[in-house]
Amino acid sequence: MTLPQRLLLGSLVLVSLLVAAIVALSGGRLEQRLVEETTNELTREARLIALSWQPGTNADALADSAGSALQRRVTLIDRSGVVRGDSKFDGEELEHLENHSTRPEIVAARDRGAGMGRRRSASAGDDELYVAIRHQLGFVRVSISTATLRDIVSGARRDVLVAGLIALVGALVLALLFSRSVTRPVVELRDVARAIADGDLDRRPSISAPGEIGDLAVALHRMSEQLATRLHALEADDALMSTLLESINEGVVAVTDRGSVIRMNESARRLLGVDAQTPFSADVLPQAREIRAALREAMSGVPTEPREMSFLGRTIALTARPLPGGGAVLALLDLTTRRRLETIRRDFVANASHELKTPLTVISGFAETLLDPDLAPAQRQQFVGTIQSNVVRMQRLVDDLLDLARYESGGWVPNPVDVDLRVAAADALALVQPEAARRRLDLRTDIAAGADHVFSDATALRQILQNLVENAVRYTQSGNVTVFARREDVGVIIGVRDTGVGIPREHLPRIFERFYRVDAGRSREVGGTGLGLAIVKHLVEAHGGSVRATSTVGVGTEVAVVLPDG
């Protein structure tokens, strides 16, 4: 039931009860008052008639004349209760009237001088009000029909009822107007409050009124503004938090005390391989023992120290911390690259030390031998040659290390120019021509039309080709070594193809690492430093290109670089 309906119903019930109470009370009070007034009036009339009743007076004639004048029933009764005169009865009727000595009003008049009675008259046949006074000759009684009183009371009640109905209609009209004036702003405030609860914080009440309704409208207006301000602040904080979480490389997973994941950044999804949209149950997370143990401890309020785990081919540092309000947060740090770099660093130090130690050992040994004055000149010359070759090897190693350090540090920037690829290929092949002739290798070029010119650093391109050609000749015992080039959508593809021993598939991803060798002993025998392909990779990447290798054991190897057009 709406507020206007409740107000109208309440007004109807209240006014109806008031009208009923007024009608009931006013009718009874009016009737009582009328009886009192009529009794007093009948008493005065009886006293007036008593003045005219003297000894020798015709009682019946006096009763008739007085009754006609007063429009009352007048009865004169002697002391014994016999009716001597009655304005309503004459002759034989008068003689047959009962003795009135036992009538209540007569008994009261005999005792107190005046009496009143109200009953149905046996002679007149209707309800009457009797008033009697004591007289020296007996009793004077004046009566009136109560129907007259009832008519007066009924009329008064009708008037009150009509007035009450008019008041009821007026009250209903006023209640309707009042309810509308009250409920209209209340309904508007309700709609605004519902809109705010549904998230529409732009809704504002349009009410401007004095009193409590106006105060409520102002309070609701201020509340909506404060909510909007706070919500915008929370949204900004949430957006900032989301941006920060998504921008860090560390994976973050927030779990509630009920085991529901409510926050998970992209790094965590990538590390754990989870695609479910939050919120979702923590059971969806991987069932790895380390993850479950850390989550269980953090949920119980015990923080965990970083622990390393292997998952999906990655090395991950896992940390768990309990949240103040219950729940836990998992932090995942991908250590794969760091561990790989640490391995590369250890390998680099070990390989560099080993590469330097070998020629230094040779030089030291032969230098001590040269100190012998009895050493034959032929042997002395042979030892000096060995020392010189090892010095050259060390010099090449140091030069390659310095070049690689310069390229990796970003201290070198290529200066691209238009380079004739045919000339650069011929220069690179000319450097290995003596070794190729010794091995009886066929050196070739296969440069397609449109790929004979490339936009690159001339020195870097020659170093790239020289390293690739030297590697190909070094590991090819027979067959041919070919420098090729062709133009594709991505740029110019330049490479060297050989018919050498080939590289096993498991080694191909690592051949561009520093000092990485498929067969370390053989590589040292043929004079390689293990840095050539690493230098090639850095030079190509400095041009914005890429390098790749394909090989089949016993068939040959192809190493190709992609140099994008300027």
Protein backbone atom coordinates (compact mmCIF):
# COMPACT_ATOMS: atom_id res chain seq x y z
CA MET A 1 0.00 0.00 0.00
CA THR A 2 1.40 3.37 -1.01
CA LEU A 3 1.85 6.34 1.28
CA PRO A 4 -1.07 8.33 -0.22
CA GLN A 5 -3.35 5.34 0.23
CA ARG A 6 -2.26 4.92 3.84
CA LEU A 7 -2.81 8.61 4.51
CA LEU A 8 -6.28 8.57 2.93
CA LEU A 9 -7.29 5.41 4.76
CA GLY A 10 -5.98 6.74 8.05
CA SER A 11 -7.81 10.04 7.57
CA LEU A 12 -11.03 8.20 6.65
CA VAL A 13 -10.86 5.97 9.72
CA LEU A 14 -9.97 8.84 12.05
CA VAL A 15 -12.65 11.23 10.81
CA SER A 16 -15.25 8.44 10.76
CA LEU A 17 -14.48 7.56 14.37
CA LEU A 18 -14.61 11.19 15.37
CA VAL A 19 -17.99 11.70 13.64
CA ALA A 20 -19.40 8.54 15.24
CA ALA A 21 -18.16 9.63 18.65
CA ILE A 22 -19.56 13.13 18.21
CA VAL A 23 -22.96 11.79 17.07
CA ALA A 24 -23.13 9.34 19.97
CA LEU A 25 -21.97 11.76 22.62
CA SER A 26 -23.90 14.75 21.33
CA GLY A 27 -27.14 12.71 21.05
CA GLY A 28 -26.92 11.44 24.61
CA ARG A 29 -25.87 14.75 26.06
CA LEU A 30 -28.50 16.60 24.08
CA GLU A 31 -31.21 14.20 25.18
CA GLN A 32 -30.12 14.51 28.79
CA ARG A 33 -30.03 18.26 28.52
CA LEU A 34 -33.44 18.37 26.89
CA VAL A 35 -34.91 16.22 29.63
CA GLU A 36 -33.46 18.52 32.27
CA GLU A 37 -34.70 21.66 30.56
CA THR A 38 -38.11 20.17 29.85
CA THR A 39 -38.39 18.97 33.45
CA ASN A 40 -37.64 22.45 34.73
CA GLU A 41 -40.08 23.96 32.28
CA LEU A 42 -42.84 21.48 33.22
CA THR A 43 -42.16 22.22 36.89
CA ARG A 44 -42.63 25.93 36.33
CA GLU A 45 -45.79 25.29 34.35
CA ALA A 46 -47.11 23.01 37.09
CA ARG A 47 -46.47 25.70 39.69
CA LEU A 48 -48.24 28.23 37.52
CA ILE A 49 -51.29 25.94 37.18
CA ALA A 50 -51.18 25.28 40.94
CA LEU A 51 -51.79 28.97 41.55
CA SER A 52 -55.09 28.72 39.69
CA TRP A 53 -56.33 25.56 41.50
CA GLN A 54 -58.28 26.80 44.43
CA PRO A 55 -60.97 25.18 46.44
CA GLY A 56 -64.21 25.28 44.56
CA THR A 57 -62.50 25.46 41.17
CA ASN A 58 -63.59 22.98 38.52
CA ALA A 59 -60.50 20.84 38.30
CA ASP A 60 -61.31 19.28 34.95
CA ALA A 61 -62.09 22.65 33.35
CA LEU A 62 -58.86 24.09 34.75
CA ALA A 63 -56.89 21.12 33.38
CA ASP A 64 -58.50 21.50 29.98
CA SER A 65 -57.88 25.26 29.75
CA ALA A 66 -54.30 24.99 31.02
CA GLY A 67 -53.52 22.06 28.76
CA SER A 68 -54.92 23.93 25.76
CA ALA A 69 -52.90 27.03 26.61
CA LEU A 70 -49.63 25.22 27.32
CA GLN A 71 -50.04 22.43 24.72
CA ARG A 72 -49.35 19.97 27.48
CA ARG A 73 -51.23 17.23 29.20
CA VAL A 74 -52.32 18.60 32.55
CA THR A 75 -53.59 16.31 35.25
CA LEU A 76 -55.00 17.38 38.65
CA ILE A 77 -54.98 14.65 41.29
CA ASP A 78 -56.40 14.78 44.80
CA ARG A 79 -54.53 13.62 47.84
CA SER A 80 -55.96 10.11 47.60
CA GLY A 81 -54.65 9.66 44.06
CA VAL A 82 -57.97 10.10 42.27
CA VAL A 83 -57.72 12.07 39.05
CA ARG A 84 -59.99 15.13 39.30
CA GLY A 85 -59.08 16.69 35.99
CA ASP A 86 -57.15 15.73 32.85
CA SER A 87 -56.74 17.73 29.68
CA LYS A 88 -56.91 14.59 27.56
CA PHE A 89 -59.89 12.88 29.17
CA ASP A 90 -63.41 14.00 30.03
CA GLY A 91 -66.62 12.46 31.37
CA GLU A 92 -66.64 8.72 31.71
CA GLU A 93 -63.06 8.36 30.55
CA LEU A 94 -61.97 10.56 33.41
CA GLU A 95 -63.94 8.49 35.88
CA HIS A 96 -62.35 5.26 34.67
CA LEU A 97 -58.75 6.44 35.07
CA GLU A 98 -56.69 4.45 37.53
CA ASN A 99 -55.69 5.76 40.91
CA HIS A 100 -52.38 7.64 40.53
CA SER A 101 -51.23 7.51 44.11
CA THR A 102 -48.58 4.93 43.26
CA ARG A 103 -47.17 6.76 40.25
CA PRO A 104 -43.43 7.49 40.74
CA GLU A 105 -43.78 11.21 40.19
CA ILE A 106 -46.70 11.38 42.66
CA VAL A 107 -44.78 9.41 45.27
CA ALA A 108 -41.75 11.68 44.80
CA ALA A 109 -43.91 14.82 44.95
CA ARG A 110 -45.57 13.62 48.14
CA ASP A 111 -42.13 13.07 49.71
CA ARG A 112 -40.08 15.97 48.33
CA GLY A 113 -42.64 18.43 47.00
CA ALA A 114 -41.83 17.67 43.33
CA GLY A 115 -41.25 14.56 41.33
CA MET A 116 -40.46 13.40 37.84
CA GLY A 117 -41.21 10.18 35.99
CA ARG A 118 -40.75 8.82 32.49
CA ARG A 119 -42.68 5.87 31.19
CA ARG A 120 -45.22 4.66 28.71
CA SER A 121 -48.65 6.00 29.58
CA ALA A 122 -51.25 3.27 29.95
CA SER A 123 -54.06 5.73 29.20
CA ALA A 124 -52.42 7.85 26.50
CA GLY A 125 -50.62 4.94 24.85
CA ASP A 126 -47.20 6.61 24.29
CA ASP A 127 -43.99 7.43 26.18
CA GLU A 128 -44.31 10.56 28.27
CA LEU A 129 -42.33 12.69 30.69
CA TYR A 130 -44.23 13.51 33.87
CA VAL A 131 -43.55 16.28 36.38
CA ALA A 132 -45.73 16.58 39.51
CA ILE A 133 -45.73 19.05 42.42
CA ARG A 134 -47.47 18.83 45.71
CA HIS A 135 -50.52 21.07 46.18
CA GLN A 136 -52.78 21.79 49.10
CA LEU A 137 -55.60 20.08 47.26
CA GLY A 138 -53.44 17.19 46.03
CA PHE A 139 -51.01 17.12 43.11
CA VAL A 140 -50.58 19.07 39.87
CA ARG A 141 -49.00 17.04 37.11
CA VAL A 142 -47.83 18.25 33.70
CA SER A 143 -46.60 15.83 31.06
CA ILE A 144 -45.22 15.91 27.54
CA SER A 145 -44.74 13.19 24.96
CA THR A 146 -41.12 12.09 24.63
CA ALA A 147 -41.61 11.77 20.88
CA THR A 148 -41.03 15.51 20.69
CA LEU A 149 -37.72 15.10 22.50
CA ARG A 150 -36.76 12.23 20.28
CA ASP A 151 -37.51 14.32 17.20
CA ILE A 152 -35.27 17.10 18.50
CA VAL A 153 -32.46 14.67 19.30
CA SER A 154 -32.82 12.87 15.96
CA GLY A 155 -32.72 16.17 14.10
CA ALA A 156 -29.66 17.25 16.01
CA ARG A 157 -28.00 13.93 15.26
CA ARG A 158 -28.81 14.26 11.58
CA ASP A 159 -27.35 17.74 11.55
CA VAL A 160 -24.20 16.52 13.31
CA LEU A 161 -23.97 13.55 10.94
CA VAL A 162 -24.33 15.78 7.88
CA ALA A 163 -21.72 18.13 9.29
CA GLY A 164 -19.49 15.13 10.01
CA LEU A 165 -19.88 13.83 6.46
CA ILE A 166 -19.04 17.26 5.10
CA ALA A 167 -16.04 17.35 7.42
CA LEU A 168 -15.08 13.83 6.27
CA VAL A 169 -15.18 14.83 2.61
CA GLY A 170 -13.18 17.95 3.39
CA ALA A 171 -10.69 15.95 5.43
CA LEU A 172 -10.31 13.44 2.60
CA VAL A 173 -9.73 16.23 0.10
CA LEU A 174 -7.18 17.86 2.41
CA ALA A 175 -5.57 14.48 3.10
CA LEU A 176 -5.34 13.80 -0.64
CA LEU A 177 -3.77 17.19 -1.30
CA PHE A 178 -1.47 16.81 1.66
CA SER A 179 -0.48 13.27 0.69
CA ARG A 180 0.30 14.40 -2.83
CA SER A 181 2.36 17.32 -1.61
CA VAL A 182 4.22 15.02 0.77
CA THR A 183 4.52 11.89 -1.33
CA ARG A 184 5.60 13.58 -4.56
CA PRO A 185 8.96 14.73 -3.10
CA VAL A 186 9.23 11.50 -1.12
CA VAL A 187 8.73 9.45 -4.29
CA GLU A 188 11.31 11.57 -6.10
CA LEU A 189 13.76 11.12 -3.25
CA ARG A 190 13.07 7.38 -3.32
CA ASP A 191 13.75 7.22 -7.08
CA VAL A 192 16.94 9.22 -6.68
CA ALA A 193 18.08 6.97 -3.83
CA ARG A 194 17.38 3.86 -5.92
CA ALA A 195 19.27 5.33 -8.88
CA ILE A 196 22.25 6.09 -6.62
CA ALA A 197 22.08 2.57 -5.20
CA ASP A 198 22.12 1.22 -8.79
CA GLY A 199 25.27 3.20 -9.54
CA ASP A 200 23.82 6.30 -11.25
CA LEU A 201 25.68 8.89 -9.20
CA ASP A 202 24.74 11.71 -11.59
CA ARG A 203 21.13 11.75 -10.36
CA ARG A 204 20.26 14.67 -8.09
CA PRO A 205 16.98 15.56 -6.35
CA SER A 206 15.28 18.65 -7.82
CA ILE A 207 13.41 19.47 -4.59
CA SER A 208 13.91 22.85 -2.97
CA ALA A 209 11.50 23.14 -0.08
CA PRO A 210 11.57 24.23 3.55
CA GLY A 211 11.25 21.76 6.37
CA GLU A 212 12.37 18.16 6.76
CA ILE A 213 11.75 17.20 3.13
CA GLY A 214 14.00 20.00 1.92
CA ASP A 215 16.65 19.04 4.49
CA LEU A 216 16.43 15.43 3.34
CA ALA A 217 16.81 16.51 -0.31
CA VAL A 218 19.88 18.60 0.53
CA ALA A 219 21.38 15.73 2.54
CA LEU A 220 20.74 13.29 -0.31
CA HIS A 221 22.28 15.74 -2.79
CA ARG A 222 25.40 16.07 -0.64
CA MET A 223 25.56 12.33 -0.08
CA SER A 224 25.41 11.61 -3.83
CA GLU A 225 28.15 14.17 -4.51
CA GLN A 226 30.35 12.68 -1.79
CA LEU A 227 29.69 9.17 -3.04
CA ALA A 228 30.53 10.23 -6.59
CA THR A 229 33.74 11.89 -5.42
CA ARG A 230 34.77 8.90 -3.33
CA LEU A 231 33.81 6.42 -6.05
CA HIS A 232 35.84 8.35 -8.63
CA ALA A 233 38.76 8.39 -6.22
CA LEU A 234 38.39 4.65 -5.65
CA GLU A 235 38.14 4.04 -9.39
CA ALA A 236 41.25 6.15 -9.97
CA ASP A 237 43.10 4.25 -7.23
CA ASP A 238 41.91 0.93 -8.64
CA ALA A 239 42.95 1.96 -12.16
CA LEU A 240 46.34 3.09 -10.83
CA MET A 241 46.74 -0.15 -8.91
CA SER A 242 45.74 -2.20 -11.95
CA THR A 243 48.17 -0.24 -14.14
CA LEU A 244 50.97 -0.70 -11.63
CA LEU A 245 50.26 -4.41 -11.29
CA GLU A 246 50.13 -4.89 -15.04
CA SER A 247 53.29 -2.84 -15.61
CA ILE A 248 55.53 -4.87 -13.33
CA ASN A 249 57.23 -8.04 -14.46
CA GLU A 250 56.50 -9.74 -11.17
CA GLY A 251 53.34 -11.86 -11.09
CA VAL A 252 50.82 -11.01 -8.37
CA VAL A 253 47.88 -13.18 -7.26
CA ALA A 254 45.46 -12.01 -4.51
CA VAL A 255 43.31 -14.66 -2.82
CA THR A 256 40.47 -13.96 -0.33
CA ASP A 257 39.99 -15.82 2.94
CA ARG A 258 37.26 -17.83 1.21
CA GLY A 259 39.65 -19.13 -1.42
CA SER A 260 38.61 -16.88 -4.30
CA VAL A 261 41.18 -15.25 -6.61
CA ILE A 262 40.13 -11.60 -6.96
CA ARG A 263 43.25 -10.11 -8.56
CA MET A 264 45.76 -11.55 -11.00
CA ASN A 265 47.98 -9.55 -13.30
CA GLU A 266 49.08 -10.56 -16.78
CA SER A 267 52.56 -11.59 -15.64
CA ALA A 268 51.04 -14.09 -13.20
CA ARG A 269 48.73 -15.43 -15.89
CA ARG A 270 51.67 -15.91 -18.22
CA LEU A 271 53.85 -17.59 -15.59
CA LEU A 272 51.09 -19.90 -14.29
CA GLY A 273 49.28 -20.48 -17.59
CA VAL A 274 45.87 -19.38 -16.21
CA ASP A 275 43.28 -17.71 -18.47
CA ALA A 276 40.22 -17.68 -16.16
CA GLN A 277 38.59 -14.31 -15.52
CA THR A 278 38.56 -13.08 -11.93
CA PRO A 279 37.03 -13.82 -9.56
CA PHE A 280 37.53 -17.59 -9.69
CA SER A 281 38.27 -20.35 -7.22
CA ALA A 282 41.85 -20.83 -6.08
CA ASP A 283 41.47 -24.49 -7.09
CA VAL A 284 41.90 -23.30 -10.69
CA LEU A 285 45.50 -22.33 -9.91
CA PRO A 286 48.15 -24.91 -10.84
CA GLN A 287 48.40 -27.85 -8.45
CA ALA A 288 52.17 -27.52 -8.09
CA ARG A 289 53.33 -28.57 -4.64
CA GLU A 290 55.26 -25.37 -3.97
CA ILE A 291 52.29 -23.15 -4.90
CA ARG A 292 49.85 -25.09 -2.74
CA ALA A 293 52.20 -25.16 0.24
CA ALA A 294 52.93 -21.43 0.06
CA LEU A 295 49.25 -20.59 -0.32
CA ARG A 296 48.28 -22.84 2.57
CA GLU A 297 50.87 -21.31 4.90
CA ALA A 298 49.96 -17.73 3.96
CA MET A 299 46.23 -18.42 4.42
CA SER A 300 47.04 -19.61 7.95
CA GLY A 301 48.84 -16.32 8.66
CA VAL A 302 52.45 -17.49 8.17
CA PRO A 303 54.51 -15.60 5.56
CA THR A 304 56.89 -17.65 3.42
CA GLU A 305 60.41 -16.83 2.33
CA PRO A 306 61.17 -16.79 -1.40
CA ARG A 307 61.48 -20.30 -2.76
CA GLU A 308 62.50 -21.33 -6.26
CA MET A 309 60.41 -23.70 -8.31
CA SER A 310 60.44 -25.00 -11.86
CA PHE A 311 57.14 -24.69 -13.69
CA LEU A 312 56.33 -24.85 -17.40
CA GLY A 313 60.03 -24.74 -18.26
CA ARG A 314 60.65 -21.60 -16.19
CA THR A 315 62.50 -20.91 -12.96
CA ILE A 316 60.19 -18.95 -10.66
CA ALA A 317 60.80 -17.38 -7.24
CA LEU A 318 57.61 -17.77 -5.20
CA THR A 319 56.74 -15.65 -2.14
CA ALA A 320 53.48 -15.68 -0.16
CA ARG A 321 52.25 -13.15 2.40
CA PRO A 322 49.02 -13.13 4.46
CA LEU A 323 46.62 -10.21 3.96
CA PRO A 324 45.54 -8.16 7.03
CA GLY A 325 41.83 -8.88 6.54
CA GLY A 326 42.33 -12.55 5.74
CA GLY A 327 43.49 -14.22 2.57
CA ALA A 328 46.90 -14.17 0.95
CA VAL A 329 48.91 -12.66 -1.87
CA LEU A 330 51.34 -14.62 -4.02
CA ALA A 331 54.31 -12.95 -5.71
CA LEU A 332 56.02 -14.72 -8.61
CA LEU A 333 59.31 -13.56 -10.08
CA ASP A 334 60.56 -15.08 -13.32
CA LEU A 335 64.22 -15.98 -12.76
CA THR A 336 64.62 -17.85 -16.04
CA THR A 337 66.49 -15.06 -17.82
CA ARG A 338 68.56 -14.25 -14.75
CA ARG A 339 69.57 -17.87 -14.25
CA ARG A 340 70.35 -18.21 -17.95
CA LEU A 341 72.50 -15.09 -17.84
CA GLU A 342 74.24 -16.37 -14.73
CA THR A 343 74.94 -19.60 -16.56
CA ILE A 344 76.20 -17.68 -19.57
CA ARG A 345 78.38 -15.54 -17.32
CA ARG A 346 79.86 -18.57 -15.61
CA ASP A 347 80.40 -20.25 -18.95
CA PHE A 348 81.94 -17.07 -20.33
CA VAL A 349 84.39 -16.73 -17.45
CA ALA A 350 85.26 -20.41 -17.64
CA ASN A 351 85.58 -20.42 -21.42
CA ALA A 352 87.54 -17.16 -21.58
CA SER A 353 89.89 -18.40 -18.87
CA HIS A 354 90.32 -21.69 -20.66
CA GLU A 355 90.83 -20.04 -24.05
CA LEU A 356 93.53 -17.79 -22.60
CA LYS A 357 95.07 -20.45 -20.42
CA THR A 358 95.81 -22.83 -23.29
CA PRO A 359 97.95 -20.47 -25.42
CA LEU A 360 99.56 -18.97 -22.30
CA THR A 361 100.56 -22.45 -21.18
CA VAL A 362 102.01 -23.13 -24.61
CA ILE A 363 103.87 -19.80 -24.71
CA SER A 364 105.19 -20.26 -21.17
CA GLY A 365 106.42 -23.77 -21.92
CA PHE A 366 108.17 -22.91 -25.15
CA ALA A 367 109.60 -19.69 -23.69
CA GLU A 368 111.26 -21.71 -20.90
CA THR A 369 112.61 -24.12 -23.50
CA LEU A 370 114.09 -21.24 -25.50
CA LEU A 371 116.15 -20.27 -22.47
CA ASP A 372 118.25 -23.41 -23.04
CA PRO A 373 121.48 -22.22 -24.77
CA ASP A 374 122.10 -25.66 -26.21
CA LEU A 375 118.81 -25.67 -28.15
CA ALA A 376 119.32 -26.33 -31.82
CA PRO A 377 118.57 -23.41 -34.17
CA ALA A 378 115.98 -25.41 -36.06
CA GLN A 379 114.08 -26.24 -32.91
CA ARG A 380 114.46 -22.68 -31.66
CA GLN A 381 112.87 -21.40 -34.85
CA GLN A 382 110.07 -23.97 -34.56
CA PHE A 383 109.33 -22.98 -30.95
CA VAL A 384 109.31 -19.28 -31.81
CA GLY A 385 106.80 -20.02 -34.57
CA THR A 386 104.58 -21.86 -32.14
CA ILE A 387 104.77 -18.96 -29.68
CA GLN A 388 103.92 -16.52 -32.43
CA SER A 389 100.89 -18.53 -33.59
CA ASN A 390 99.56 -18.70 -30.02
CA VAL A 391 100.11 -14.97 -29.57
CA VAL A 392 98.13 -14.38 -32.75
CA ARG A 393 95.38 -16.64 -31.42
CA MET A 394 95.32 -14.72 -28.13
CA GLN A 395 95.31 -11.44 -30.02
CA ARG A 396 92.30 -12.56 -32.08
CA LEU A 397 90.53 -13.69 -28.92
CA VAL A 398 91.15 -10.38 -27.16
CA ASP A 399 90.10 -8.42 -30.25
CA ASP A 400 86.88 -10.43 -30.53
CA LEU A 401 86.16 -9.92 -26.82
CA LEU A 402 86.70 -6.18 -27.13
CA ASP A 403 84.50 -6.01 -30.23
CA LEU A 404 81.77 -8.04 -28.55
CA ALA A 405 81.89 -5.88 -25.42
CA ARG A 406 81.64 -2.74 -27.55
CA TYR A 407 78.64 -4.09 -29.48
CA GLU A 408 76.82 -5.33 -26.39
CA SER A 409 77.34 -2.10 -24.45
CA GLY A 410 75.65 -0.04 -27.15
CA GLY A 411 78.78 2.01 -27.68
CA TRP A 412 78.78 1.16 -31.37
CA VAL A 413 76.12 2.53 -33.75
CA PRO A 414 76.03 1.35 -37.37
CA ASN A 415 76.53 3.90 -40.15
CA PRO A 416 74.43 2.45 -43.01
CA VAL A 417 75.44 3.18 -46.58
CA ASP A 418 74.72 1.54 -49.91
CA VAL A 419 77.06 -1.47 -50.12
CA ASP A 420 77.78 -3.57 -53.20
CA LEU A 421 77.12 -7.06 -51.89
CA ARG A 422 79.02 -8.76 -54.70
CA VAL A 423 82.22 -6.88 -53.78
CA ALA A 424 81.76 -7.58 -50.06
CA ALA A 425 81.21 -11.29 -50.76
CA ALA A 426 84.30 -11.46 -52.99
CA ASP A 427 86.42 -9.80 -50.28
CA ALA A 428 85.23 -12.28 -47.64
CA LEU A 429 85.89 -15.27 -49.90
CA ALA A 430 89.33 -13.97 -50.83
CA LEU A 431 90.38 -14.09 -47.15
CA VAL A 432 89.64 -17.82 -46.91
CA GLN A 433 90.87 -18.71 -50.39
CA PRO A 434 94.19 -20.24 -49.20
CA GLU A 435 92.51 -22.48 -46.61
CA ALA A 436 89.73 -23.40 -49.09
CA ALA A 437 92.34 -24.31 -51.70
CA ARG A 438 94.15 -26.48 -49.15
CA ARG A 439 90.89 -28.28 -48.44
CA ARG A 440 89.92 -28.29 -52.11
CA LEU A 441 86.67 -26.47 -51.42
CA ASP A 442 84.68 -24.74 -54.13
CA LEU A 443 83.86 -21.13 -53.14
CA ARG A 444 80.71 -19.78 -54.80
CA THR A 445 78.37 -16.79 -54.78
CA ASP A 446 74.62 -16.93 -55.45
CA ILE A 447 73.30 -13.35 -55.36
CA ALA A 448 69.86 -12.94 -56.88
CA ALA A 449 68.84 -10.00 -59.03
CA GLY A 450 67.73 -7.04 -56.93
CA ALA A 451 69.79 -8.18 -53.94
CA ASP A 452 73.23 -7.06 -55.12
CA HIS A 453 73.04 -3.85 -53.08
CA VAL A 454 72.18 -3.59 -49.40
CA PHE A 455 71.82 -0.61 -47.05
CA SER A 456 74.09 -1.39 -44.09
CA ASP A 457 77.31 -0.50 -42.32
CA ALA A 458 80.07 -1.51 -44.76
CA THR A 459 82.60 -2.61 -42.11
CA ALA A 460 79.96 -4.54 -40.14
CA LEU A 461 78.71 -6.31 -43.28
CA ARG A 462 82.25 -7.38 -44.21
CA GLN A 463 82.82 -8.65 -40.64
CA ILE A 464 79.52 -10.57 -40.77
CA LEU A 465 80.40 -12.23 -44.06
CA GLN A 466 83.99 -12.90 -42.95
CA ASN A 467 82.89 -14.68 -39.75
CA LEU A 468 80.24 -16.74 -41.55
CA VAL A 469 82.62 -17.73 -44.37
CA GLU A 470 85.47 -18.61 -41.96
CA ASN A 471 83.10 -20.79 -39.90
CA ALA A 472 81.83 -22.54 -43.03
CA VAL A 473 85.35 -23.25 -44.34
CA ARG A 474 86.55 -24.30 -40.87
CA TYR A 475 83.90 -27.05 -40.53
CA THR A 476 83.73 -28.20 -44.17
CA GLN A 477 86.11 -30.93 -45.28
CA SER A 478 84.84 -31.26 -48.84
CA GLY A 479 82.26 -29.82 -51.15
CA ASN A 480 81.53 -26.11 -51.43
CA VAL A 481 80.86 -22.92 -49.50
CA THR A 482 78.32 -20.51 -51.01
CA VAL A 483 77.57 -16.88 -50.20
CA PHE A 484 73.95 -16.20 -51.20
CA ALA A 485 71.56 -13.29 -51.13
CA ARG A 486 67.95 -12.71 -52.15
CA ARG A 487 65.35 -10.04 -51.60
CA GLU A 488 62.11 -10.78 -49.74
CA ASP A 489 59.33 -8.70 -48.19
CA VAL A 490 61.19 -8.41 -44.88
CA GLY A 491 64.37 -7.14 -46.52
CA VAL A 492 67.54 -8.68 -47.94
CA ILE A 493 68.42 -12.23 -46.87
CA ILE A 494 72.20 -12.71 -46.79
CA GLY A 495 73.88 -15.93 -45.73
CA VAL A 496 76.47 -18.65 -46.16
CA ARG A 497 75.67 -22.25 -47.05
CA ASP A 498 78.16 -25.12 -46.71
CA THR A 499 78.38 -28.88 -47.13
CA GLY A 500 80.17 -29.45 -43.85
CA VAL A 501 79.67 -31.69 -40.85
CA GLY A 502 76.42 -30.03 -39.80
CA ILE A 503 75.07 -29.15 -36.37
CA PRO A 504 72.79 -31.41 -34.30
CA ARG A 505 69.30 -29.93 -33.83
CA GLU A 506 69.57 -29.64 -30.03
CA HIS A 507 72.58 -27.32 -30.37
CA LEU A 508 71.12 -24.89 -32.93
CA PRO A 509 69.35 -22.56 -30.40
CA ARG A 510 72.66 -21.90 -28.58
CA ILE A 511 75.24 -21.55 -31.36
CA PHE A 512 74.99 -17.73 -31.20
CA GLU A 513 76.04 -17.67 -27.53
CA ARG A 514 79.56 -16.60 -26.60
CA PHE A 515 82.10 -19.46 -26.52
CA TYR A 516 79.40 -22.04 -27.21
CA ARG A 517 80.83 -24.92 -29.24
CA VAL A 518 79.18 -28.07 -30.46
CA ASP A 519 82.55 -29.86 -30.31
CA ALA A 520 84.92 -27.81 -28.16
CA GLY A 521 88.00 -29.90 -28.92
CA ARG A 522 87.52 -29.76 -32.66
CA SER A 523 86.78 -26.03 -32.57
CA ARG A 524 90.06 -25.28 -30.85
CA GLU A 525 91.93 -27.49 -33.27
CA VAL A 526 90.64 -25.54 -36.24
CA GLY A 527 91.41 -22.21 -34.55
CA GLY A 528 88.01 -20.78 -33.70
CA THR A 529 87.54 -18.39 -30.77
CA GLY A 530 83.87 -19.29 -30.19
CA LEU A 531 82.83 -15.61 -30.50
CA GLY A 532 82.26 -15.24 -34.23
CA LEU A 533 78.54 -16.07 -34.35
CA ALA A 534 77.87 -14.00 -31.20
CA ILE A 535 79.48 -11.00 -32.94
CA VAL A 536 77.40 -11.67 -36.06
CA LYS A 537 74.21 -11.71 -34.00
CA HIS A 538 74.93 -8.38 -32.31
CA LEU A 539 75.94 -6.68 -35.55
CA VAL A 540 72.74 -7.83 -37.28
CA GLU A 541 70.50 -6.85 -34.38
CA ALA A 542 72.15 -3.39 -34.31
CA HIS A 543 70.81 -2.99 -37.88
CA GLY A 544 67.32 -4.02 -36.71
CA GLY A 545 67.61 -7.43 -38.35
CA SER A 546 67.68 -11.02 -37.20
CA VAL A 547 69.77 -14.15 -37.69
CA ARG A 548 68.82 -17.81 -38.02
CA ALA A 549 70.52 -21.13 -38.68
CA THR A 550 69.39 -24.41 -40.20
CA SER A 551 71.50 -27.54 -40.37
CA THR A 552 71.46 -31.25 -41.05
CA VAL A 553 74.20 -33.44 -39.62
CA GLY A 554 76.40 -34.81 -42.38
CA VAL A 555 74.72 -32.64 -45.03
CA GLY A 556 75.62 -29.07 -44.21
CA THR A 557 74.64 -25.83 -42.50
CA GLU A 558 73.04 -22.56 -43.61
CA VAL A 559 73.33 -19.38 -41.58
CA ALA A 560 71.25 -16.44 -42.85
CA VAL A 561 70.80 -12.89 -41.65
CA VAL A 562 67.90 -10.57 -42.45
CA LEU A 563 68.79 -6.94 -43.02
CA PRO A 564 65.70 -4.74 -43.36
CA ASP A 565 65.60 -2.10 -46.07
CA GLY A 566 66.75 1.30 -44.87
